[in-house]
């Protein structure tokens, strides 16, 4: 069975997303990690376009790949992260981090295991998926509480960035 152009593009974007995400984690330089994260956001925007969600793709590129990444770069440069001043992590802490990350991945795989059939059924039922009108209706009816909680989270992140950037009194 021959793969269509959309499937080829999907698998290319998926492999690019996974590779870039791994490079975010394994890059030694924090600035390089941020640049790889920008690549992850662009590949995820490509997935949104494949899902006929052009608005989400544009918002993802403008908000995340643009504004948030500039903020991350600013914070990284402000903190002046030097590897010679960094303390080495103990083996127990590394083991705990690996176990918690693996547990989180196992939970995500278990939670998403049955969603492939649901997503296929969803695409065959409604051709208006990804349109801004439908997104607005769902966002402000079914998901209004998580939407407001995320706005409070962003507000607290901005306050934290201001506190980190504030000079200490001499």
N, C-alpha and C. Protein backbone atom coordinates (compact mmCIF):
# COMPACT_ATOMS: atom_id res chain seq x y z
N UNK A 1 0.85 -1.17 0.00
CA UNK A 1 0.00 0.00 0.00
C UNK A 1 0.90 1.24 0.00
N UNK A 2 0.65 2.13 -0.95
CA UNK A 2 1.47 3.33 -1.08
C UNK A 2 0.97 4.41 -0.13
N UNK A 3 1.94 5.15 0.42
CA UNK A 3 1.59 6.22 1.34
C UNK A 3 1.28 7.48 0.56
N UNK A 4 0.30 8.22 1.04
CA UNK A 4 -0.05 9.48 0.39
C UNK A 4 0.93 10.57 0.83
N UNK A 5 0.85 11.69 0.15
CA UNK A 5 1.75 12.81 0.46
C UNK A 5 1.50 13.34 1.88
N UNK A 6 0.25 13.32 2.33
CA UNK A 6 -0.08 13.79 3.67
C UNK A 6 0.54 12.87 4.72
N UNK A 7 0.50 11.57 4.48
CA UNK A 7 1.11 10.63 5.43
C UNK A 7 2.61 10.80 5.48
N UNK A 8 3.24 11.01 4.33
CA UNK A 8 4.69 11.22 4.30
C UNK A 8 5.04 12.49 5.07
N UNK A 9 4.27 13.56 4.84
CA UNK A 9 4.51 14.81 5.56
C UNK A 9 4.28 14.64 7.06
N UNK A 10 3.25 13.87 7.43
CA UNK A 10 2.98 13.61 8.85
C UNK A 10 4.17 12.91 9.50
N UNK A 11 4.67 11.86 8.88
CA UNK A 11 5.78 11.11 9.47
C UNK A 11 7.06 11.93 9.49
N UNK A 12 7.27 12.79 8.48
CA UNK A 12 8.44 13.67 8.50
C UNK A 12 8.34 14.65 9.66
N UNK A 13 7.17 15.28 9.82
CA UNK A 13 7.00 16.24 10.93
C UNK A 13 7.09 15.55 12.28
N UNK A 14 6.59 14.33 12.37
CA UNK A 14 6.67 13.58 13.63
C UNK A 14 8.11 13.27 13.98
N UNK A 15 8.87 12.77 13.02
CA UNK A 15 10.28 12.46 13.30
C UNK A 15 11.07 13.72 13.61
N UNK A 16 10.76 14.83 12.93
CA UNK A 16 11.41 16.10 13.23
C UNK A 16 11.07 16.58 14.64
N UNK A 17 9.81 16.42 15.05
CA UNK A 17 9.40 16.81 16.39
C UNK A 17 10.12 15.99 17.46
N UNK A 18 10.18 14.69 17.26
CA UNK A 18 10.82 13.82 18.26
C UNK A 18 12.32 14.10 18.32
N UNK A 19 12.97 14.23 17.16
CA UNK A 19 14.40 14.51 17.15
C UNK A 19 14.70 15.85 17.81
N UNK A 20 13.92 16.87 17.49
CA UNK A 20 14.14 18.20 18.06
C UNK A 20 13.90 18.20 19.57
N UNK A 21 12.86 17.47 20.01
CA UNK A 21 12.59 17.40 21.45
C UNK A 21 13.72 16.69 22.18
N UNK A 22 14.28 15.65 21.58
CA UNK A 22 15.42 14.97 22.20
C UNK A 22 16.63 15.90 22.25
N UNK A 23 16.83 16.71 21.23
CA UNK A 23 17.94 17.65 21.21
C UNK A 23 17.75 18.75 22.26
N UNK A 24 16.48 19.12 22.55
CA UNK A 24 16.22 20.08 23.63
C UNK A 24 16.73 19.52 24.95
N UNK A 25 16.47 18.25 25.18
CA UNK A 25 16.84 17.64 26.45
C UNK A 25 18.35 17.40 26.53
N UNK A 26 18.97 16.97 25.44
CA UNK A 26 20.36 16.54 25.50
C UNK A 26 21.38 17.60 25.11
N UNK A 27 20.94 18.79 24.70
CA UNK A 27 21.89 19.85 24.37
C UNK A 27 22.54 20.38 25.63
N UNK A 28 23.84 20.59 25.56
CA UNK A 28 24.58 21.10 26.72
C UNK A 28 24.39 22.60 26.89
N UNK A 29 24.25 23.31 25.79
CA UNK A 29 24.11 24.76 25.81
C UNK A 29 22.62 25.13 25.92
N UNK A 30 22.21 25.92 26.91
CA UNK A 30 20.80 26.27 27.06
C UNK A 30 20.24 27.07 25.87
N UNK A 31 21.06 27.87 25.23
CA UNK A 31 20.59 28.63 24.07
C UNK A 31 20.27 27.67 22.92
N UNK A 32 21.11 26.65 22.74
CA UNK A 32 20.83 25.66 21.70
C UNK A 32 19.54 24.90 22.02
N UNK A 33 19.31 24.63 23.29
CA UNK A 33 18.06 23.96 23.68
C UNK A 33 16.85 24.80 23.31
N UNK A 34 16.93 26.09 23.52
CA UNK A 34 15.82 26.97 23.15
C UNK A 34 15.62 26.99 21.64
N UNK A 35 16.70 26.99 20.89
CA UNK A 35 16.57 26.97 19.43
C UNK A 35 15.95 25.66 18.94
N UNK A 36 16.32 24.55 19.57
CA UNK A 36 15.70 23.27 19.22
C UNK A 36 14.22 23.28 19.60
N UNK A 37 13.88 23.95 20.70
CA UNK A 37 12.48 24.03 21.11
C UNK A 37 11.67 24.84 20.10
N UNK A 38 12.27 25.85 19.51
CA UNK A 38 11.60 26.59 18.44
C UNK A 38 11.31 25.66 17.27
N UNK A 39 12.25 24.77 16.95
CA UNK A 39 12.03 23.80 15.88
C UNK A 39 10.88 22.85 16.22
N UNK A 40 10.77 22.47 17.49
CA UNK A 40 9.65 21.62 17.92
C UNK A 40 8.34 22.36 17.69
N UNK A 41 8.28 23.63 18.06
CA UNK A 41 7.05 24.40 17.88
C UNK A 41 6.68 24.53 16.41
N UNK A 42 7.65 24.73 15.53
CA UNK A 42 7.35 24.82 14.11
C UNK A 42 6.83 23.49 13.56
N UNK A 43 7.41 22.39 14.00
CA UNK A 43 6.92 21.09 13.51
C UNK A 43 5.52 20.79 14.06
N UNK A 44 5.25 21.22 15.27
CA UNK A 44 3.89 21.04 15.81
C UNK A 44 2.90 21.91 15.04
N UNK A 45 3.33 23.09 14.63
CA UNK A 45 2.47 23.93 13.80
C UNK A 45 2.17 23.25 12.48
N UNK A 46 3.15 22.52 11.95
CA UNK A 46 2.90 21.74 10.73
C UNK A 46 1.85 20.66 10.97
N UNK A 47 1.87 20.04 12.14
CA UNK A 47 0.83 19.06 12.47
C UNK A 47 -0.54 19.73 12.54
N UNK A 48 -0.61 20.93 13.10
CA UNK A 48 -1.88 21.65 13.17
C UNK A 48 -2.42 21.93 11.76
N UNK A 49 -1.55 22.28 10.86
CA UNK A 49 -1.98 22.55 9.48
C UNK A 49 -2.52 21.27 8.86
N UNK A 50 -1.85 20.14 9.11
CA UNK A 50 -2.36 18.86 8.59
C UNK A 50 -3.73 18.52 9.17
N UNK A 51 -4.03 18.99 10.37
CA UNK A 51 -5.32 18.74 11.01
C UNK A 51 -6.37 19.79 10.65
N UNK A 52 -6.07 20.66 9.69
CA UNK A 52 -6.98 21.71 9.25
C UNK A 52 -7.26 22.72 10.36
N UNK A 53 -6.26 22.97 11.19
CA UNK A 53 -6.39 23.94 12.28
C UNK A 53 -5.38 25.06 12.03
N UNK A 54 -5.63 25.83 10.98
CA UNK A 54 -4.70 26.86 10.57
C UNK A 54 -4.55 27.95 11.63
N UNK A 55 -5.64 28.28 12.32
CA UNK A 55 -5.57 29.30 13.35
C UNK A 55 -4.62 28.88 14.46
N UNK A 56 -4.73 27.63 14.92
CA UNK A 56 -3.83 27.15 15.96
C UNK A 56 -2.38 27.14 15.50
N UNK A 57 -2.16 26.82 14.23
CA UNK A 57 -0.80 26.81 13.71
C UNK A 57 -0.19 28.20 13.75
N UNK A 58 -0.94 29.19 13.32
CA UNK A 58 -0.43 30.57 13.32
C UNK A 58 -0.24 31.07 14.74
N UNK A 59 -1.19 30.79 15.62
CA UNK A 59 -1.06 31.23 17.00
C UNK A 59 0.13 30.55 17.66
N UNK A 60 0.34 29.27 17.38
CA UNK A 60 1.48 28.54 17.93
C UNK A 60 2.79 29.18 17.48
N UNK A 61 2.87 29.56 16.21
CA UNK A 61 4.10 30.17 15.71
C UNK A 61 4.31 31.56 16.29
N UNK A 62 3.26 32.35 16.37
CA UNK A 62 3.41 33.71 16.86
C UNK A 62 3.66 33.74 18.37
N UNK A 63 2.81 33.04 19.12
CA UNK A 63 2.89 33.13 20.58
C UNK A 63 4.06 32.31 21.12
N UNK A 64 4.13 31.04 20.77
CA UNK A 64 5.14 30.18 21.36
C UNK A 64 6.50 30.35 20.70
N UNK A 65 6.57 30.14 19.40
CA UNK A 65 7.87 30.21 18.73
C UNK A 65 8.39 31.64 18.70
N UNK A 66 7.53 32.61 18.81
CA UNK A 66 7.96 34.00 18.81
C UNK A 66 8.15 34.54 20.21
N UNK A 67 7.06 34.85 20.87
CA UNK A 67 7.11 35.59 22.14
C UNK A 67 7.68 34.77 23.28
N UNK A 68 7.22 33.57 23.49
CA UNK A 68 7.67 32.77 24.62
C UNK A 68 9.15 32.42 24.49
N UNK A 69 9.59 32.11 23.29
CA UNK A 69 11.00 31.75 23.11
C UNK A 69 11.91 32.96 23.30
N UNK A 70 11.44 34.15 22.92
CA UNK A 70 12.23 35.35 23.20
C UNK A 70 12.34 35.55 24.70
N UNK A 71 11.24 35.29 25.42
CA UNK A 71 11.27 35.38 26.88
C UNK A 71 12.24 34.36 27.47
N UNK A 72 12.22 33.13 26.97
CA UNK A 72 13.15 32.10 27.45
C UNK A 72 14.59 32.52 27.21
N UNK A 73 14.88 33.02 26.01
CA UNK A 73 16.25 33.46 25.72
C UNK A 73 16.66 34.60 26.64
N UNK A 74 15.74 35.52 26.91
CA UNK A 74 16.03 36.63 27.80
C UNK A 74 16.36 36.13 29.20
N UNK A 75 15.56 35.19 29.70
CA UNK A 75 15.79 34.66 31.05
C UNK A 75 17.11 33.89 31.11
N UNK A 76 17.42 33.12 30.07
CA UNK A 76 18.68 32.37 30.05
C UNK A 76 19.87 33.32 30.05
N UNK A 77 19.80 34.37 29.25
CA UNK A 77 20.90 35.33 29.22
C UNK A 77 20.97 36.12 30.52
N UNK A 78 19.82 36.39 31.14
CA UNK A 78 19.79 37.13 32.39
C UNK A 78 20.38 36.32 33.53
N UNK A 79 20.12 35.02 33.54
CA UNK A 79 20.61 34.17 34.62
C UNK A 79 22.09 33.85 34.47
N UNK A 80 22.67 34.05 33.29
CA UNK A 80 24.09 33.83 33.04
C UNK A 80 24.51 32.44 33.53
N UNK A 81 23.95 31.43 32.89
CA UNK A 81 24.21 30.05 33.30
C UNK A 81 25.61 29.63 32.86
N UNK A 82 26.46 29.39 33.81
CA UNK A 82 27.80 28.89 33.54
C UNK A 82 27.91 27.46 34.04
N UNK A 83 28.52 26.59 33.23
CA UNK A 83 28.63 25.19 33.65
C UNK A 83 29.70 25.00 34.70
N UNK A 84 30.67 25.92 34.80
CA UNK A 84 31.71 25.71 35.82
C UNK A 84 31.20 26.02 37.22
N UNK A 85 30.13 26.84 37.35
CA UNK A 85 29.57 27.15 38.65
C UNK A 85 28.50 26.15 39.07
N UNK A 86 28.07 25.31 38.15
CA UNK A 86 26.96 24.39 38.42
C UNK A 86 27.43 23.20 39.24
N UNK A 87 26.63 22.85 40.23
CA UNK A 87 26.95 21.69 41.06
C UNK A 87 26.51 20.43 40.32
N UNK A 88 27.27 19.35 40.49
CA UNK A 88 26.90 18.10 39.84
C UNK A 88 25.76 17.44 40.62
N UNK A 89 24.89 16.79 39.88
CA UNK A 89 23.73 16.14 40.49
C UNK A 89 24.14 14.76 40.99
N UNK A 90 23.58 14.35 42.10
CA UNK A 90 23.90 13.04 42.65
C UNK A 90 23.26 11.95 41.79
N UNK A 91 23.77 10.75 41.91
CA UNK A 91 23.25 9.61 41.15
C UNK A 91 21.82 9.29 41.56
N UNK A 92 21.49 9.49 42.85
CA UNK A 92 20.13 9.21 43.31
C UNK A 92 19.13 10.19 42.69
N UNK A 93 19.54 11.45 42.57
CA UNK A 93 18.67 12.45 41.96
C UNK A 93 18.47 12.15 40.48
N UNK A 94 19.52 11.73 39.79
CA UNK A 94 19.40 11.37 38.38
C UNK A 94 18.50 10.15 38.20
N UNK A 95 18.62 9.17 39.11
CA UNK A 95 17.77 7.98 39.04
C UNK A 95 16.31 8.35 39.30
N UNK A 96 16.07 9.22 40.27
CA UNK A 96 14.70 9.66 40.57
C UNK A 96 14.11 10.41 39.39
N UNK A 97 14.92 11.24 38.73
CA UNK A 97 14.44 11.98 37.57
C UNK A 97 14.11 11.03 36.42
N UNK A 98 14.95 10.02 36.21
CA UNK A 98 14.70 9.06 35.13
C UNK A 98 13.45 8.23 35.43
N UNK A 99 13.27 7.82 36.67
CA UNK A 99 12.08 7.04 37.03
C UNK A 99 10.79 7.87 36.90
N UNK A 100 10.84 9.12 37.35
CA UNK A 100 9.63 9.94 37.25
C UNK A 100 9.32 10.29 35.79
N UNK A 101 10.34 10.54 34.99
CA UNK A 101 10.11 10.80 33.57
C UNK A 101 9.56 9.58 32.85
N UNK A 102 10.11 8.40 33.16
CA UNK A 102 9.60 7.17 32.56
C UNK A 102 8.17 6.87 33.00
N UNK A 103 7.86 7.14 34.25
CA UNK A 103 6.49 6.93 34.74
C UNK A 103 5.52 7.86 34.03
N UNK A 104 5.94 9.11 33.83
CA UNK A 104 5.08 10.06 33.13
C UNK A 104 4.84 9.63 31.69
N UNK A 105 5.89 9.13 31.04
CA UNK A 105 5.74 8.66 29.66
C UNK A 105 4.80 7.45 29.62
N UNK A 106 4.92 6.54 30.57
CA UNK A 106 4.04 5.37 30.63
C UNK A 106 2.59 5.79 30.83
N UNK A 107 2.36 6.77 31.68
CA UNK A 107 1.00 7.26 31.92
C UNK A 107 0.43 7.90 30.65
N UNK A 108 1.25 8.69 29.95
CA UNK A 108 0.78 9.33 28.72
C UNK A 108 0.45 8.30 27.65
N UNK A 109 1.29 7.29 27.49
CA UNK A 109 1.03 6.25 26.49
C UNK A 109 -0.24 5.50 26.84
N UNK A 110 -0.44 5.17 28.12
CA UNK A 110 -1.65 4.47 28.54
C UNK A 110 -2.90 5.33 28.33
N UNK A 111 -2.78 6.63 28.57
CA UNK A 111 -3.93 7.52 28.42
C UNK A 111 -4.29 7.74 26.95
N UNK A 112 -3.30 7.74 26.09
CA UNK A 112 -3.54 8.03 24.68
C UNK A 112 -3.72 6.78 23.83
N UNK A 113 -3.66 5.59 24.43
CA UNK A 113 -3.67 4.35 23.69
C UNK A 113 -4.94 4.18 22.86
N UNK A 114 -6.09 4.49 23.41
CA UNK A 114 -7.34 4.27 22.69
C UNK A 114 -7.83 5.46 21.89
N UNK A 115 -7.05 6.52 21.80
CA UNK A 115 -7.52 7.73 21.15
C UNK A 115 -7.39 7.73 19.64
N UNK A 116 -6.66 6.79 19.05
CA UNK A 116 -6.49 6.78 17.60
C UNK A 116 -7.82 6.51 16.91
N UNK A 117 -8.57 5.54 17.41
CA UNK A 117 -9.87 5.23 16.80
C UNK A 117 -10.84 6.39 17.01
N UNK A 118 -10.79 7.03 18.17
CA UNK A 118 -11.67 8.16 18.43
C UNK A 118 -11.35 9.32 17.51
N UNK A 119 -10.07 9.57 17.27
CA UNK A 119 -9.68 10.67 16.39
C UNK A 119 -10.09 10.39 14.96
N UNK A 120 -9.97 9.15 14.50
CA UNK A 120 -10.38 8.80 13.15
C UNK A 120 -11.88 8.99 12.99
N UNK A 121 -12.66 8.56 13.98
CA UNK A 121 -14.10 8.75 13.93
C UNK A 121 -14.46 10.23 13.97
N UNK A 122 -13.72 11.01 14.70
CA UNK A 122 -14.00 12.44 14.80
C UNK A 122 -13.78 13.13 13.46
N UNK A 123 -12.74 12.75 12.72
CA UNK A 123 -12.46 13.40 11.44
C UNK A 123 -13.47 13.02 10.37
N UNK A 124 -14.03 11.86 10.47
CA UNK A 124 -15.01 11.47 9.46
C UNK A 124 -16.38 12.06 9.72
N UNK A 125 -16.66 12.51 10.94
CA UNK A 125 -17.98 13.03 11.26
C UNK A 125 -18.14 14.51 10.95
N UNK A 126 -17.16 15.34 11.26
CA UNK A 126 -17.34 16.79 11.19
C UNK A 126 -16.26 17.39 10.30
N UNK A 127 -16.69 18.09 9.26
CA UNK A 127 -15.70 18.72 8.37
C UNK A 127 -15.30 20.11 8.86
N UNK A 128 -15.94 20.62 9.92
CA UNK A 128 -15.63 21.95 10.42
C UNK A 128 -14.58 21.96 11.51
N UNK A 129 -13.88 20.84 11.67
CA UNK A 129 -12.86 20.76 12.72
C UNK A 129 -11.74 21.73 12.40
N UNK A 130 -11.30 22.45 13.40
CA UNK A 130 -10.19 23.37 13.24
C UNK A 130 -10.60 24.78 12.91
N UNK A 131 -11.87 25.02 12.65
CA UNK A 131 -12.31 26.37 12.34
C UNK A 131 -12.39 27.19 13.61
N UNK A 132 -12.16 28.48 13.48
CA UNK A 132 -12.06 29.36 14.63
C UNK A 132 -13.40 29.48 15.37
N UNK A 133 -14.50 29.41 14.66
CA UNK A 133 -15.81 29.50 15.31
C UNK A 133 -16.03 28.30 16.24
N UNK A 134 -15.73 27.12 15.76
CA UNK A 134 -15.89 25.92 16.59
C UNK A 134 -14.92 25.94 17.76
N UNK A 135 -13.69 26.41 17.52
CA UNK A 135 -12.71 26.50 18.59
C UNK A 135 -13.19 27.45 19.68
N UNK A 136 -13.70 28.60 19.30
CA UNK A 136 -14.21 29.57 20.28
C UNK A 136 -15.38 29.03 21.08
N UNK A 137 -16.30 28.34 20.39
CA UNK A 137 -17.45 27.77 21.10
C UNK A 137 -17.02 26.74 22.14
N UNK A 138 -16.12 25.85 21.76
CA UNK A 138 -15.67 24.81 22.69
C UNK A 138 -14.83 25.42 23.81
N UNK A 139 -13.96 26.38 23.45
CA UNK A 139 -13.06 26.96 24.44
C UNK A 139 -13.81 27.72 25.52
N UNK A 140 -14.86 28.43 25.16
CA UNK A 140 -15.55 29.26 26.14
C UNK A 140 -16.84 28.63 26.68
N UNK A 141 -17.08 27.37 26.35
CA UNK A 141 -18.20 26.65 26.97
C UNK A 141 -17.69 25.46 27.77
N UNK A 142 -17.08 24.51 27.10
CA UNK A 142 -16.64 23.28 27.77
C UNK A 142 -15.35 23.47 28.56
N UNK A 143 -14.45 24.32 28.07
CA UNK A 143 -13.12 24.44 28.67
C UNK A 143 -12.85 25.84 29.23
N UNK A 144 -13.86 26.51 29.74
CA UNK A 144 -13.66 27.87 30.24
C UNK A 144 -12.84 27.87 31.53
N UNK A 145 -13.02 26.89 32.41
CA UNK A 145 -12.26 26.85 33.66
C UNK A 145 -10.77 26.58 33.40
N UNK A 146 -10.41 25.56 32.60
CA UNK A 146 -8.97 25.39 32.30
C UNK A 146 -8.37 26.59 31.57
N UNK A 147 -9.17 27.24 30.73
CA UNK A 147 -8.68 28.44 30.03
C UNK A 147 -8.35 29.54 31.02
N UNK A 148 -9.20 29.76 31.99
CA UNK A 148 -8.94 30.80 32.99
C UNK A 148 -7.80 30.41 33.92
N UNK A 149 -7.68 29.12 34.25
CA UNK A 149 -6.57 28.67 35.08
C UNK A 149 -5.24 28.89 34.36
N UNK A 150 -5.22 28.64 33.05
CA UNK A 150 -3.98 28.87 32.30
C UNK A 150 -3.64 30.35 32.24
N UNK A 151 -4.65 31.22 32.21
CA UNK A 151 -4.34 32.66 32.23
C UNK A 151 -3.73 33.06 33.56
N UNK A 152 -4.19 32.48 34.67
CA UNK A 152 -3.59 32.76 35.97
C UNK A 152 -2.16 32.22 36.01
N UNK A 153 -1.94 31.05 35.40
CA UNK A 153 -0.60 30.47 35.33
C UNK A 153 0.35 31.39 34.55
N UNK A 154 -0.11 31.94 33.43
CA UNK A 154 0.73 32.86 32.67
C UNK A 154 1.01 34.14 33.46
N UNK A 155 0.03 34.62 34.21
CA UNK A 155 0.23 35.80 35.04
C UNK A 155 1.29 35.53 36.10
N UNK A 156 1.22 34.36 36.74
CA UNK A 156 2.22 34.04 37.76
C UNK A 156 3.60 33.86 37.14
N UNK A 157 3.67 33.35 35.90
CA UNK A 157 4.96 33.23 35.22
C UNK A 157 5.55 34.61 34.93
N UNK A 158 4.71 35.56 34.56
CA UNK A 158 5.20 36.92 34.31
C UNK A 158 5.70 37.56 35.61
N UNK A 159 4.98 37.35 36.69
CA UNK A 159 5.42 37.89 37.98
C UNK A 159 6.75 37.26 38.38
N UNK A 160 6.88 35.95 38.17
CA UNK A 160 8.14 35.27 38.47
C UNK A 160 9.29 35.79 37.63
N UNK A 161 9.03 36.08 36.34
CA UNK A 161 10.08 36.63 35.49
C UNK A 161 10.51 38.02 35.96
N UNK A 162 9.56 38.82 36.41
CA UNK A 162 9.89 40.15 36.93
C UNK A 162 10.72 40.03 38.20
N UNK A 163 10.35 39.11 39.08
CA UNK A 163 11.09 38.93 40.33
C UNK A 163 12.50 38.44 40.04
N UNK A 164 12.65 37.49 39.08
CA UNK A 164 13.98 37.02 38.72
C UNK A 164 14.83 38.11 38.11
N UNK A 165 14.21 38.98 37.35
CA UNK A 165 14.96 40.04 36.66
C UNK A 165 15.24 41.25 37.53
N UNK A 166 14.63 41.33 38.68
CA UNK A 166 14.80 42.48 39.56
C UNK A 166 16.16 42.46 40.22
N UNK A 167 16.82 43.58 40.21
CA UNK A 167 18.13 43.70 40.86
C UNK A 167 17.95 43.73 42.37
N UNK A 168 18.87 43.07 43.09
CA UNK A 168 18.81 43.08 44.55
C UNK A 168 19.35 44.41 45.07
N UNK A 169 18.78 44.86 46.18
CA UNK A 169 19.22 46.11 46.79
C UNK A 169 20.60 45.91 47.42
N UNK A 170 21.49 46.86 47.20
CA UNK A 170 22.85 46.73 47.71
C UNK A 170 22.98 47.21 49.13
